[in-house]
């Protein structure tokens, strides 16, 4: 069974928002806001997988720290619920981070047994290639194939050519 994974561009701002709401009311967990902001930065750097790898490591370390923080410190009910919500989102975000790392060619950093379990959870079976998306009616699909697309200029010129070419056979009239 494959887990539905949300994109990091949605999960990390959610973590940042929850951390921003929680931070002023608790003395603990203030690292979550900084960590989430670093994650937004690391996710935006598509050319460098090293910063995302570092963020993944730090993010995974924050999970036990959050559990300790919830056990050792008492807070109000609202901040407790928001903290638990943030903590429950972290494993989903961690799976999305591992997916992003594997898409950037960093899946070899995982041990073999963890990589196999992760790929089965994420729904990627078989070889470790990247996911290929296809859209119905997209480029190269259907009977039209690659010729199904034409530029805007060609679409406008075609009716004019047919009207001009009616006077002579096999050629165009001069304008």
Protein backbone atom coordinates (compact mmCIF):
# COMPACT_ATOMS: atom_id res chain seq x y z
CA UNK A 1 0.00 0.00 0.00
CA UNK A 2 1.48 3.32 -1.05
CA UNK A 3 1.19 6.32 1.22
CA UNK A 4 -0.01 9.56 -0.36
CA UNK A 5 2.86 12.02 -0.07
CA UNK A 6 2.32 15.75 -0.04
CA UNK A 7 4.87 17.99 -1.70
CA UNK A 8 7.45 19.67 0.51
CA UNK A 9 6.30 23.05 -0.78
CA UNK A 10 3.07 22.48 1.19
CA UNK A 11 4.39 20.60 4.23
CA UNK A 12 7.29 22.87 5.20
CA UNK A 13 5.28 26.13 5.31
CA UNK A 14 2.71 24.26 7.40
CA UNK A 15 5.45 23.26 9.86
CA UNK A 16 6.72 26.85 9.88
CA UNK A 17 3.23 28.22 10.57
CA UNK A 18 2.54 25.77 13.38
CA UNK A 19 5.96 26.48 14.90
CA UNK A 20 5.40 30.23 14.66
CA UNK A 21 2.10 29.88 16.53
CA UNK A 22 3.55 27.53 19.19
CA UNK A 23 6.91 29.26 19.83
CA UNK A 24 5.74 32.34 21.81
CA UNK A 25 3.63 30.25 24.20
CA UNK A 26 6.16 27.57 25.07
CA UNK A 27 9.77 27.80 26.11
CA UNK A 28 10.56 24.64 24.19
CA UNK A 29 10.47 23.75 20.55
CA UNK A 30 11.63 27.14 19.28
CA UNK A 31 14.12 25.30 17.07
CA UNK A 32 11.22 24.04 14.94
CA UNK A 33 10.62 27.44 13.34
CA UNK A 34 14.26 27.87 12.38
CA UNK A 35 14.40 24.31 11.14
CA UNK A 36 11.27 24.72 9.00
CA UNK A 37 12.60 27.94 7.46
CA UNK A 38 15.88 26.19 6.65
CA UNK A 39 13.85 23.39 5.07
CA UNK A 40 12.02 25.85 2.81
CA UNK A 41 15.41 27.22 1.74
CA UNK A 42 16.89 23.74 1.21
CA UNK A 43 13.89 22.58 -0.81
CA UNK A 44 14.22 25.59 -3.09
CA UNK A 45 17.83 24.74 -3.97
CA UNK A 46 17.21 22.24 -6.74
CA UNK A 47 20.83 22.23 -7.87
CA UNK A 48 22.23 21.17 -4.48
CA UNK A 49 21.10 18.03 -2.69
CA UNK A 50 23.58 18.55 0.16
CA UNK A 51 21.49 21.18 1.95
CA UNK A 52 18.39 18.99 1.67
CA UNK A 53 20.38 16.05 3.01
CA UNK A 54 21.51 18.13 6.00
CA UNK A 55 17.97 19.33 6.60
CA UNK A 56 16.69 15.73 6.48
CA UNK A 57 19.23 14.72 9.12
CA UNK A 58 18.38 17.66 11.40
CA UNK A 59 14.65 17.20 10.86
CA UNK A 60 14.84 13.53 11.84
CA UNK A 61 16.73 14.51 15.02
CA UNK A 62 14.00 16.97 15.94
CA UNK A 63 11.37 14.21 16.26
CA UNK A 64 12.76 12.72 19.53
CA UNK A 65 13.39 16.24 20.81
CA UNK A 66 9.73 17.09 20.26
CA UNK A 67 8.65 13.94 22.11
CA UNK A 68 10.89 14.84 25.05
CA UNK A 69 9.58 18.38 24.99
CA UNK A 70 5.97 17.18 25.16
CA UNK A 71 6.74 14.82 28.03
CA UNK A 72 8.78 17.19 30.18
CA UNK A 73 6.95 20.50 29.79
CA UNK A 74 3.35 21.34 30.51
CA UNK A 75 1.55 23.74 28.19
CA UNK A 76 -1.99 24.85 27.55
CA UNK A 77 -4.37 22.57 25.70
CA UNK A 78 -4.23 24.53 22.43
CA UNK A 79 -0.44 24.61 22.25
CA UNK A 80 -0.34 20.94 23.25
CA UNK A 81 -2.70 20.03 20.40
CA UNK A 82 -0.75 22.14 17.91
CA UNK A 83 2.52 20.57 19.09
CA UNK A 84 1.09 17.08 18.69
CA UNK A 85 -0.21 18.00 15.22
CA UNK A 86 3.24 19.28 14.25
CA UNK A 87 4.80 16.09 15.61
CA UNK A 88 2.34 13.86 13.73
CA UNK A 89 3.14 15.66 10.46
CA UNK A 90 6.87 15.05 10.85
CA UNK A 91 6.94 11.37 9.70
CA UNK A 92 4.94 12.30 6.59
CA UNK A 93 7.35 15.16 5.92
CA UNK A 94 10.30 12.83 6.50
CA UNK A 95 8.96 10.42 3.85
CA UNK A 96 8.52 13.34 1.45
CA UNK A 97 12.08 14.44 2.19
CA UNK A 98 13.39 10.96 1.42
CA UNK A 99 11.42 10.99 -1.83
CA UNK A 100 12.90 14.35 -2.77
CA UNK A 101 16.39 13.09 -1.95
CA UNK A 102 15.93 10.00 -4.09
CA UNK A 103 14.67 12.15 -6.97
CA UNK A 104 17.82 14.24 -6.68
CA UNK A 105 20.01 11.14 -6.85
CA UNK A 106 20.75 10.77 -3.14
CA UNK A 107 18.96 7.48 -2.49
CA UNK A 108 22.29 5.67 -2.26
CA UNK A 109 22.84 7.32 1.13
CA UNK A 110 20.22 5.02 2.68
CA UNK A 111 21.10 1.49 3.76
CA UNK A 112 19.72 -1.20 1.43
CA UNK A 113 17.11 -2.56 3.85
CA UNK A 114 15.79 0.95 4.61
CA UNK A 115 15.75 1.90 0.92
CA UNK A 116 13.65 -1.19 0.08
CA UNK A 117 11.17 -0.45 2.90
CA UNK A 118 10.98 3.21 1.92
CA UNK A 119 10.33 2.44 -1.74
CA UNK A 120 7.52 0.06 -0.80
CA UNK A 121 5.96 2.72 1.47
CA UNK A 122 6.29 5.44 -1.15
CA UNK A 123 4.80 3.18 -3.82
CA UNK A 124 7.88 3.02 -6.03
CA UNK A 125 8.42 -0.54 -7.12
CA UNK A 126 11.10 -1.98 -9.35
CA UNK A 127 14.22 -0.12 -10.44
CA UNK A 128 15.11 3.10 -8.75
CA UNK A 129 14.33 5.24 -11.80
CA UNK A 130 12.44 8.46 -11.64
CA UNK A 131 8.67 8.68 -11.99
CA UNK A 132 7.47 9.41 -15.51
CA UNK A 133 4.26 11.40 -15.71
CA UNK A 134 2.01 11.34 -18.74
CA UNK A 135 -0.98 13.50 -19.41
CA UNK A 136 -3.89 12.42 -21.62
CA UNK A 137 -3.73 14.45 -24.81
CA UNK A 138 -0.20 15.54 -23.98
CA UNK A 139 2.77 15.75 -26.27
CA UNK A 140 3.32 12.53 -28.17
CA UNK A 141 0.06 10.87 -27.10
CA UNK A 142 -2.78 9.82 -29.34
CA UNK A 143 -2.87 9.50 -33.12
CA UNK A 144 -1.48 12.98 -33.73
CA UNK A 145 1.82 12.18 -32.02
CA UNK A 146 4.41 14.92 -32.13
CA UNK A 147 2.62 16.59 -35.04
CA UNK A 148 -0.44 17.30 -32.90
CA UNK A 149 1.02 20.63 -31.81
CA UNK A 150 1.43 23.67 -33.97
CA UNK A 151 2.57 27.12 -33.11
CA UNK A 152 0.09 29.99 -32.92
CA UNK A 153 1.58 31.58 -36.02
CA UNK A 154 1.09 28.43 -38.09
CA UNK A 155 -2.55 28.10 -37.02
CA UNK A 156 -3.32 31.66 -38.18
CA UNK A 157 -1.38 31.40 -41.44
CA UNK A 158 -3.03 28.16 -42.63
CA UNK A 159 -6.52 29.61 -43.42
CA UNK A 160 -4.92 32.58 -45.21
CA UNK A 161 -2.81 30.25 -47.36
CA UNK A 162 -5.88 28.23 -48.36
CA UNK A 163 -7.83 31.36 -49.36
CA UNK A 164 -4.91 32.80 -51.35
CA UNK A 165 -4.17 29.52 -53.11
CA UNK A 166 -7.66 29.11 -54.59
CA UNK A 167 -6.83 31.19 -57.70
CA UNK A 168 -3.95 28.98 -58.89
CA UNK A 169 -3.27 25.31 -58.63
CA UNK A 170 -0.12 24.25 -56.76
CA UNK A 171 0.96 27.73 -55.69
CA UNK A 172 0.13 30.84 -53.78
CA UNK A 173 -1.02 34.18 -55.11
CA UNK A 174 1.31 37.09 -54.49
CA UNK A 175 -0.02 39.65 -52.10
